[in-house]
Amino acid sequence: LACLRKAAERDLYSTLAVYEHNKKITMINYVPRKNSNVLLLTSCHAKLKVNNQQDFKRPDIITYYNLGNGGVDSMDARIEDFCYKRRPTGTSC
């Protein structure tokens, strides 16, 4: 797993994938910009597909994650607002 964390030695927009437990869990490492990387662990995707038609060659796993991410963020914001309004003493939910 240490090789997945080293982004400085990797090409821009490159992807590494590790499959575990008979391909039931997939971990990917994507380099979107210099000296930066994105690590994702998923059990929903058994095969890695990369969209080579785009300039940044983003894996489909990241595209799928980004589609659902907005819903999670907005739900977290609503829960935080509710907790703050209902409990002015500073206790968290």
N, C-alpha and C. Protein backbone atom coordinates (compact mmCIF):
# COMPACT_ATOMS: atom_id res chain seq x y z
N LEU A 1 0.81 -1.21 0.00
CA LEU A 1 0.00 0.00 0.00
C LEU A 1 0.84 1.26 0.00
N ALA A 2 2.10 1.15 0.39
CA ALA A 2 2.95 2.33 0.38
C ALA A 2 3.15 2.86 -1.03
N CYS A 3 3.16 1.98 -2.01
CA CYS A 3 3.34 2.43 -3.40
C CYS A 3 2.15 3.24 -3.88
N LEU A 4 0.99 3.06 -3.27
CA LEU A 4 -0.19 3.82 -3.67
C LEU A 4 -0.14 5.26 -3.17
N ARG A 5 0.65 5.53 -2.15
CA ARG A 5 0.69 6.86 -1.57
C ARG A 5 1.72 7.79 -2.21
N LYS A 6 2.65 7.27 -2.97
CA LYS A 6 3.72 8.08 -3.56
C LYS A 6 3.26 8.71 -4.87
N ALA A 7 2.90 9.97 -4.82
CA ALA A 7 2.42 10.65 -6.02
C ALA A 7 3.54 11.36 -6.77
N ALA A 8 4.63 11.69 -6.10
CA ALA A 8 5.70 12.46 -6.73
C ALA A 8 6.37 11.69 -7.86
N GLU A 9 6.41 10.38 -7.77
CA GLU A 9 7.09 9.56 -8.77
C GLU A 9 6.17 9.10 -9.90
N ARG A 10 4.93 9.50 -9.87
CA ARG A 10 3.96 9.01 -10.84
C ARG A 10 3.63 10.05 -11.89
N ASP A 11 3.19 9.58 -13.06
CA ASP A 11 2.78 10.46 -14.15
C ASP A 11 1.45 11.12 -13.82
N LEU A 12 1.28 12.31 -14.36
CA LEU A 12 0.03 13.04 -14.18
C LEU A 12 -1.12 12.27 -14.83
N TYR A 13 -2.27 12.19 -14.18
CA TYR A 13 -3.48 11.50 -14.61
C TYR A 13 -3.31 9.98 -14.69
N SER A 14 -2.33 9.44 -13.99
CA SER A 14 -2.17 7.98 -13.99
C SER A 14 -3.02 7.37 -12.88
N THR A 15 -3.34 6.09 -13.04
CA THR A 15 -4.19 5.37 -12.09
C THR A 15 -3.55 4.04 -11.76
N LEU A 16 -3.51 3.71 -10.46
CA LEU A 16 -3.11 2.39 -10.00
C LEU A 16 -4.31 1.77 -9.30
N ALA A 17 -4.46 0.47 -9.43
CA ALA A 17 -5.57 -0.22 -8.77
C ALA A 17 -5.07 -1.46 -8.06
N VAL A 18 -5.66 -1.76 -6.90
CA VAL A 18 -5.37 -2.96 -6.14
C VAL A 18 -6.69 -3.66 -5.87
N TYR A 19 -6.77 -4.93 -6.20
CA TYR A 19 -7.97 -5.72 -5.97
C TYR A 19 -7.72 -6.67 -4.81
N GLU A 20 -8.68 -6.79 -3.93
CA GLU A 20 -8.56 -7.65 -2.76
C GLU A 20 -9.79 -8.56 -2.62
N HIS A 21 -9.61 -9.65 -1.90
CA HIS A 21 -10.70 -10.56 -1.55
C HIS A 21 -11.52 -10.98 -2.77
N ASN A 22 -10.87 -11.61 -3.71
CA ASN A 22 -11.53 -12.12 -4.91
C ASN A 22 -12.29 -11.03 -5.66
N LYS A 23 -11.68 -9.87 -5.76
CA LYS A 23 -12.22 -8.71 -6.49
C LYS A 23 -13.52 -8.16 -5.91
N LYS A 24 -13.71 -8.31 -4.61
CA LYS A 24 -14.88 -7.72 -3.97
C LYS A 24 -14.58 -6.32 -3.44
N ILE A 25 -13.31 -5.99 -3.27
CA ILE A 25 -12.91 -4.67 -2.80
C ILE A 25 -11.84 -4.14 -3.75
N THR A 26 -11.98 -2.90 -4.15
CA THR A 26 -11.02 -2.27 -5.05
C THR A 26 -10.52 -0.98 -4.42
N MET A 27 -9.20 -0.78 -4.44
CA MET A 27 -8.60 0.47 -4.01
C MET A 27 -7.89 1.08 -5.21
N ILE A 28 -8.17 2.35 -5.46
CA ILE A 28 -7.50 3.02 -6.58
C ILE A 28 -6.75 4.24 -6.08
N ASN A 29 -5.73 4.61 -6.83
CA ASN A 29 -4.95 5.81 -6.59
C ASN A 29 -4.88 6.56 -7.91
N TYR A 30 -5.36 7.77 -7.92
CA TYR A 30 -5.40 8.60 -9.12
C TYR A 30 -4.62 9.88 -8.85
N VAL A 31 -3.80 10.32 -9.81
CA VAL A 31 -3.00 11.53 -9.66
C VAL A 31 -3.63 12.64 -10.51
N PRO A 32 -4.45 13.52 -9.91
CA PRO A 32 -5.12 14.57 -10.67
C PRO A 32 -4.24 15.79 -10.97
N ARG A 33 -3.23 16.04 -10.13
CA ARG A 33 -2.29 17.14 -10.36
C ARG A 33 -0.96 16.78 -9.71
N LYS A 34 0.06 17.54 -10.01
CA LYS A 34 1.41 17.24 -9.55
C LYS A 34 1.47 17.21 -8.02
N ASN A 35 2.14 16.19 -7.48
CA ASN A 35 2.34 15.99 -6.04
C ASN A 35 1.03 15.87 -5.26
N SER A 36 0.00 15.36 -5.89
CA SER A 36 -1.29 15.15 -5.24
C SER A 36 -1.86 13.82 -5.71
N ASN A 37 -2.58 13.15 -4.84
CA ASN A 37 -3.22 11.91 -5.26
C ASN A 37 -4.56 11.74 -4.55
N VAL A 38 -5.40 10.92 -5.15
CA VAL A 38 -6.73 10.61 -4.61
C VAL A 38 -6.77 9.11 -4.37
N LEU A 39 -7.08 8.71 -3.14
CA LEU A 39 -7.24 7.30 -2.79
C LEU A 39 -8.71 7.02 -2.56
N LEU A 40 -9.21 5.97 -3.18
CA LEU A 40 -10.60 5.56 -2.99
C LEU A 40 -10.67 4.06 -2.77
N LEU A 41 -11.50 3.65 -1.84
CA LEU A 41 -11.76 2.25 -1.56
C LEU A 41 -13.23 1.99 -1.83
N THR A 42 -13.52 0.98 -2.65
CA THR A 42 -14.91 0.72 -3.02
C THR A 42 -15.18 -0.78 -3.06
N SER A 43 -16.41 -1.13 -2.76
CA SER A 43 -16.86 -2.52 -2.92
C SER A 43 -17.94 -2.60 -4.00
N CYS A 44 -18.23 -1.48 -4.64
CA CYS A 44 -19.27 -1.45 -5.68
C CYS A 44 -18.72 -1.73 -7.07
N HIS A 45 -17.44 -1.54 -7.28
CA HIS A 45 -16.85 -1.67 -8.60
C HIS A 45 -15.81 -2.79 -8.60
N ALA A 46 -16.04 -3.81 -9.41
CA ALA A 46 -15.10 -4.92 -9.49
C ALA A 46 -14.05 -4.71 -10.57
N LYS A 47 -14.35 -3.88 -11.56
CA LYS A 47 -13.42 -3.63 -12.65
C LYS A 47 -13.12 -2.14 -12.75
N LEU A 48 -11.90 -1.84 -13.11
CA LEU A 48 -11.48 -0.46 -13.29
C LEU A 48 -11.70 -0.05 -14.74
N LYS A 49 -12.45 1.03 -14.92
CA LYS A 49 -12.65 1.60 -16.26
C LYS A 49 -12.17 3.04 -16.22
N VAL A 50 -11.37 3.41 -17.21
CA VAL A 50 -10.83 4.77 -17.29
C VAL A 50 -11.36 5.41 -18.56
N ASN A 51 -11.88 6.62 -18.42
CA ASN A 51 -12.39 7.36 -19.57
C ASN A 51 -11.22 8.03 -20.28
N ASN A 52 -10.71 7.42 -21.33
CA ASN A 52 -9.56 7.95 -22.07
C ASN A 52 -9.94 9.05 -23.05
N GLN A 53 -11.22 9.34 -23.21
CA GLN A 53 -11.65 10.38 -24.14
C GLN A 53 -11.46 11.77 -23.55
N GLN A 54 -11.36 11.87 -22.24
CA GLN A 54 -11.15 13.15 -21.59
C GLN A 54 -9.65 13.40 -21.43
N ASP A 55 -9.26 14.66 -21.29
CA ASP A 55 -7.85 15.00 -21.14
C ASP A 55 -7.25 14.50 -19.83
N PHE A 56 -8.06 14.44 -18.77
CA PHE A 56 -7.54 14.08 -17.46
C PHE A 56 -7.69 12.60 -17.13
N LYS A 57 -8.27 11.79 -17.98
CA LYS A 57 -8.35 10.33 -17.86
C LYS A 57 -8.77 9.88 -16.46
N ARG A 58 -9.89 10.40 -16.00
CA ARG A 58 -10.40 10.09 -14.67
C ARG A 58 -11.07 8.71 -14.67
N PRO A 59 -10.79 7.87 -13.66
CA PRO A 59 -11.46 6.58 -13.56
C PRO A 59 -12.96 6.75 -13.29
N ASP A 60 -13.75 5.81 -13.78
CA ASP A 60 -15.20 5.86 -13.59
C ASP A 60 -15.59 5.80 -12.11
N ILE A 61 -14.76 5.18 -11.29
CA ILE A 61 -15.05 5.09 -9.86
C ILE A 61 -15.09 6.49 -9.25
N ILE A 62 -14.18 7.36 -9.63
CA ILE A 62 -14.16 8.73 -9.11
C ILE A 62 -15.35 9.52 -9.64
N THR A 63 -15.67 9.34 -10.90
CA THR A 63 -16.83 10.02 -11.49
C THR A 63 -18.11 9.61 -10.76
N TYR A 64 -18.26 8.31 -10.47
CA TYR A 64 -19.42 7.80 -9.74
C TYR A 64 -19.48 8.39 -8.33
N TYR A 65 -18.34 8.46 -7.66
CA TYR A 65 -18.27 9.03 -6.31
C TYR A 65 -18.69 10.51 -6.33
N ASN A 66 -18.19 11.25 -7.30
CA ASN A 66 -18.50 12.68 -7.38
C ASN A 66 -19.98 12.94 -7.65
N LEU A 67 -20.65 12.05 -8.36
CA LEU A 67 -22.08 12.21 -8.63
C LEU A 67 -22.90 12.17 -7.34
N GLY A 68 -22.54 11.30 -6.40
CA GLY A 68 -23.28 11.17 -5.16
C GLY A 68 -22.78 12.04 -4.04
N ASN A 69 -21.64 12.65 -4.20
CA ASN A 69 -21.02 13.41 -3.14
C ASN A 69 -21.81 14.65 -2.76
N GLY A 70 -22.43 15.32 -3.70
CA GLY A 70 -23.20 16.53 -3.41
C GLY A 70 -24.37 16.25 -2.48
N GLY A 71 -25.01 15.11 -2.64
CA GLY A 71 -26.12 14.74 -1.78
C GLY A 71 -25.69 14.51 -0.35
N VAL A 72 -24.53 13.91 -0.17
CA VAL A 72 -24.00 13.66 1.18
C VAL A 72 -23.64 14.97 1.84
N ASP A 73 -22.99 15.87 1.12
CA ASP A 73 -22.60 17.15 1.68
C ASP A 73 -23.81 17.99 2.09
N SER A 74 -24.85 18.02 1.26
CA SER A 74 -26.02 18.82 1.59
C SER A 74 -26.77 18.22 2.78
N MET A 75 -26.80 16.90 2.90
CA MET A 75 -27.45 16.27 4.05
C MET A 75 -26.67 16.58 5.33
N ASP A 76 -25.35 16.52 5.27
CA ASP A 76 -24.53 16.87 6.44
C ASP A 76 -24.78 18.31 6.87
N ALA A 77 -24.91 19.22 5.91
CA ALA A 77 -25.15 20.62 6.23
C ALA A 77 -26.51 20.80 6.90
N ARG A 78 -27.52 20.10 6.42
CA ARG A 78 -28.85 20.19 7.02
C ARG A 78 -28.86 19.64 8.44
N ILE A 79 -28.19 18.53 8.65
CA ILE A 79 -28.12 17.94 9.99
C ILE A 79 -27.40 18.89 10.94
N GLU A 80 -26.32 19.50 10.47
CA GLU A 80 -25.58 20.43 11.30
C GLU A 80 -26.43 21.64 11.67
N ASP A 81 -27.19 22.18 10.72
CA ASP A 81 -28.08 23.31 11.01
C ASP A 81 -29.14 22.92 12.03
N PHE A 82 -29.71 21.74 11.89
CA PHE A 82 -30.74 21.27 12.80
C PHE A 82 -30.18 21.11 14.20
N CYS A 83 -29.03 20.49 14.32
CA CYS A 83 -28.42 20.28 15.63
C CYS A 83 -28.10 21.60 16.31
N TYR A 84 -27.62 22.56 15.55
CA TYR A 84 -27.26 23.85 16.11
C TYR A 84 -28.50 24.60 16.58
N LYS A 85 -29.56 24.58 15.81
CA LYS A 85 -30.77 25.31 16.16
C LYS A 85 -31.51 24.67 17.33
N ARG A 86 -31.48 23.36 17.40
CA ARG A 86 -32.23 22.67 18.45
C ARG A 86 -31.47 22.65 19.77
N ARG A 87 -30.16 22.72 19.73
CA ARG A 87 -29.38 22.62 20.96
C ARG A 87 -28.41 23.79 21.08
N PRO A 88 -28.87 24.91 21.56
CA PRO A 88 -28.01 26.08 21.64
C PRO A 88 -26.94 25.98 22.73
N THR A 89 -26.97 24.92 23.53
CA THR A 89 -25.99 24.79 24.61
C THR A 89 -24.62 24.36 24.10
N GLY A 90 -24.51 24.00 22.82
CA GLY A 90 -23.22 23.63 22.25
C GLY A 90 -22.98 22.14 22.18
N THR A 91 -23.96 21.34 22.59
CA THR A 91 -23.78 19.89 22.49
C THR A 91 -23.99 19.46 21.05
N SER A 92 -23.28 18.46 20.65
CA SER A 92 -23.43 17.97 19.28
C SER A 92 -24.43 16.83 19.24
N CYS A 93 -24.87 16.49 18.06
CA CYS A 93 -25.87 15.43 17.89
C CYS A 93 -25.30 14.08 18.19
